[in-house]
């Protein structure tokens, strides 16, 4: 069984994240999208868009089966 837990986590002040971290959850990375920002933690993938105020997608990592990249982000 492969361990998918990252060995090193990035550090960022948690007050800069648009969500609260869960107990044991570690911030990994964020990047800009065309119309928002994507955040990756040890537990979730969080996508925040700028088009609609307070519009976001919060997806648990274990619920993702596969990813298809349509456009370069």
C-alpha atoms as a PDB file:
ATOM      1  CA  UNK A   1       0.000   0.000   0.000  1.00  0.00           C
ATOM      2  CA  UNK A   2       1.389   3.372  -1.003  1.00  0.00           C
ATOM      3  CA  UNK A   3       1.399   6.242   1.444  1.00  0.00           C
ATOM      4  CA  UNK A   4       0.010   9.332  -0.306  1.00  0.00           C
ATOM      5  CA  UNK A   5       0.779  11.681   2.578  1.00  0.00           C
ATOM      6  CA  UNK A   6       3.236  14.387   1.514  1.00  0.00           C
ATOM      7  CA  UNK A   7       6.575  14.314   3.312  1.00  0.00           C
ATOM      8  CA  UNK A   8       6.929  18.095   3.474  1.00  0.00           C
ATOM      9  CA  UNK A   9       4.173  20.633   3.828  1.00  0.00           C
ATOM     10  CA  UNK A  10       4.374  24.284   2.829  1.00  0.00           C
ATOM     11  CA  UNK A  11       3.833  26.811   5.537  1.00  0.00           C
ATOM     12  CA  UNK A  12       1.392  29.655   5.158  1.00  0.00           C
ATOM     13  CA  UNK A  13      -0.452  31.645   7.788  1.00  0.00           C
ATOM     14  CA  UNK A  14      -3.810  29.940   8.265  1.00  0.00           C
ATOM     15  CA  UNK A  15      -5.551  33.319   8.424  1.00  0.00           C
ATOM     16  CA  UNK A  16      -4.801  33.721   4.677  1.00  0.00           C
ATOM     17  CA  UNK A  17      -6.810  30.607   3.762  1.00  0.00           C
ATOM     18  CA  UNK A  18     -10.498  31.070   2.844  1.00  0.00           C
ATOM     19  CA  UNK A  19     -11.445  28.086   5.044  1.00  0.00           C
ATOM     20  CA  UNK A  20     -10.581  26.684   8.460  1.00  0.00           C
ATOM     21  CA  UNK A  21      -8.164  23.766   8.606  1.00  0.00           C
ATOM     22  CA  UNK A  22      -9.430  20.592  10.256  1.00  0.00           C
ATOM     23  CA  UNK A  23      -7.530  18.904  13.071  1.00  0.00           C
ATOM     24  CA  UNK A  24      -4.462  17.253  11.536  1.00  0.00           C
ATOM     25  CA  UNK A  25      -4.981  18.903   8.141  1.00  0.00           C
ATOM     26  CA  UNK A  26      -1.891  20.467   6.609  1.00  0.00           C
ATOM     27  CA  UNK A  27      -1.710  23.118   3.908  1.00  0.00           C
ATOM     28  CA  UNK A  28       0.295  21.961   0.863  1.00  0.00           C
ATOM     29  CA  UNK A  29       0.033  24.510  -1.953  1.00  0.00           C
ATOM     30  CA  UNK A  30      -2.130  27.057  -3.752  1.00  0.00           C
ATOM     31  CA  UNK A  31      -2.074  28.439  -7.283  1.00  0.00           C
ATOM     32  CA  UNK A  32      -3.949  30.991  -9.357  1.00  0.00           C
ATOM     33  CA  UNK A  33      -6.548  30.000 -11.928  1.00  0.00           C
ATOM     34  CA  UNK A  34      -7.989  32.081 -14.755  1.00  0.00           C
ATOM     35  CA  UNK A  35     -10.915  33.169 -12.588  1.00  0.00           C
ATOM     36  CA  UNK A  36      -9.973  32.121  -9.064  1.00  0.00           C
ATOM     37  CA  UNK A  37      -7.576  30.276  -6.780  1.00  0.00           C
ATOM     38  CA  UNK A  38      -7.096  26.559  -6.078  1.00  0.00           C
ATOM     39  CA  UNK A  39      -5.847  25.297  -2.706  1.00  0.00           C
ATOM     40  CA  UNK A  40      -4.534  21.827  -1.875  1.00  0.00           C
ATOM     41  CA  UNK A  41      -4.322  20.426   1.636  1.00  0.00           C
ATOM     42  CA  UNK A  42      -3.698  16.940   2.951  1.00  0.00           C
ATOM     43  CA  UNK A  43      -7.481  16.434   3.169  1.00  0.00           C
ATOM     44  CA  UNK A  44      -9.138  18.523   0.448  1.00  0.00           C
ATOM     45  CA  UNK A  45      -9.056  20.360  -2.857  1.00  0.00           C
ATOM     46  CA  UNK A  46     -10.636  23.807  -2.495  1.00  0.00           C
ATOM     47  CA  UNK A  47     -11.439  25.993  -5.520  1.00  0.00           C
ATOM     48  CA  UNK A  48     -12.539  29.586  -5.022  1.00  0.00           C
ATOM     49  CA  UNK A  49     -13.828  31.625  -7.973  1.00  0.00           C
ATOM     50  CA  UNK A  50     -13.847  35.387  -8.372  1.00  0.00           C
ATOM     51  CA  UNK A  51     -16.831  35.525 -10.771  1.00  0.00           C
ATOM     52  CA  UNK A  52     -19.470  34.894  -8.128  1.00  0.00           C
ATOM     53  CA  UNK A  53     -18.948  36.229  -4.649  1.00  0.00           C
ATOM     54  CA  UNK A  54     -18.553  33.482  -2.043  1.00  0.00           C
ATOM     55  CA  UNK A  55     -18.593  30.789  -4.740  1.00  0.00           C
ATOM     56  CA  UNK A  56     -16.380  27.804  -3.966  1.00  0.00           C
ATOM     57  CA  UNK A  57     -15.975  24.052  -4.329  1.00  0.00           C
ATOM     58  CA  UNK A  58     -14.707  22.031  -1.361  1.00  0.00           C
ATOM     59  CA  UNK A  59     -13.886  18.445  -2.367  1.00  0.00           C
ATOM     60  CA  UNK A  60     -12.408  15.784  -0.050  1.00  0.00           C
ATOM     61  CA  UNK A  61      -9.251  14.289  -1.612  1.00  0.00           C
ATOM     62  CA  UNK A  62     -10.383  10.686  -1.060  1.00  0.00           C
ATOM     63  CA  UNK A  63     -13.533  11.259  -3.124  1.00  0.00           C
ATOM     64  CA  UNK A  64     -11.503  12.077  -6.262  1.00  0.00           C
ATOM     65  CA  UNK A  65     -11.193   9.014  -8.500  1.00  0.00           C
ATOM     66  CA  UNK A  66      -9.433  10.564 -11.495  1.00  0.00           C
ATOM     67  CA  UNK A  67      -8.589  13.967 -12.937  1.00  0.00           C
ATOM     68  CA  UNK A  68      -8.766  15.043 -16.565  1.00  0.00           C
ATOM     69  CA  UNK A  69      -6.993  18.301 -17.422  1.00  0.00           C
ATOM     70  CA  UNK A  70      -8.825  20.031 -20.241  1.00  0.00           C
ATOM     71  CA  UNK A  71      -6.974  23.351 -20.372  1.00  0.00           C
ATOM     72  CA  UNK A  72      -3.601  24.369 -19.051  1.00  0.00           C
ATOM     73  CA  UNK A  73      -4.125  26.150 -15.761  1.00  0.00           C
END
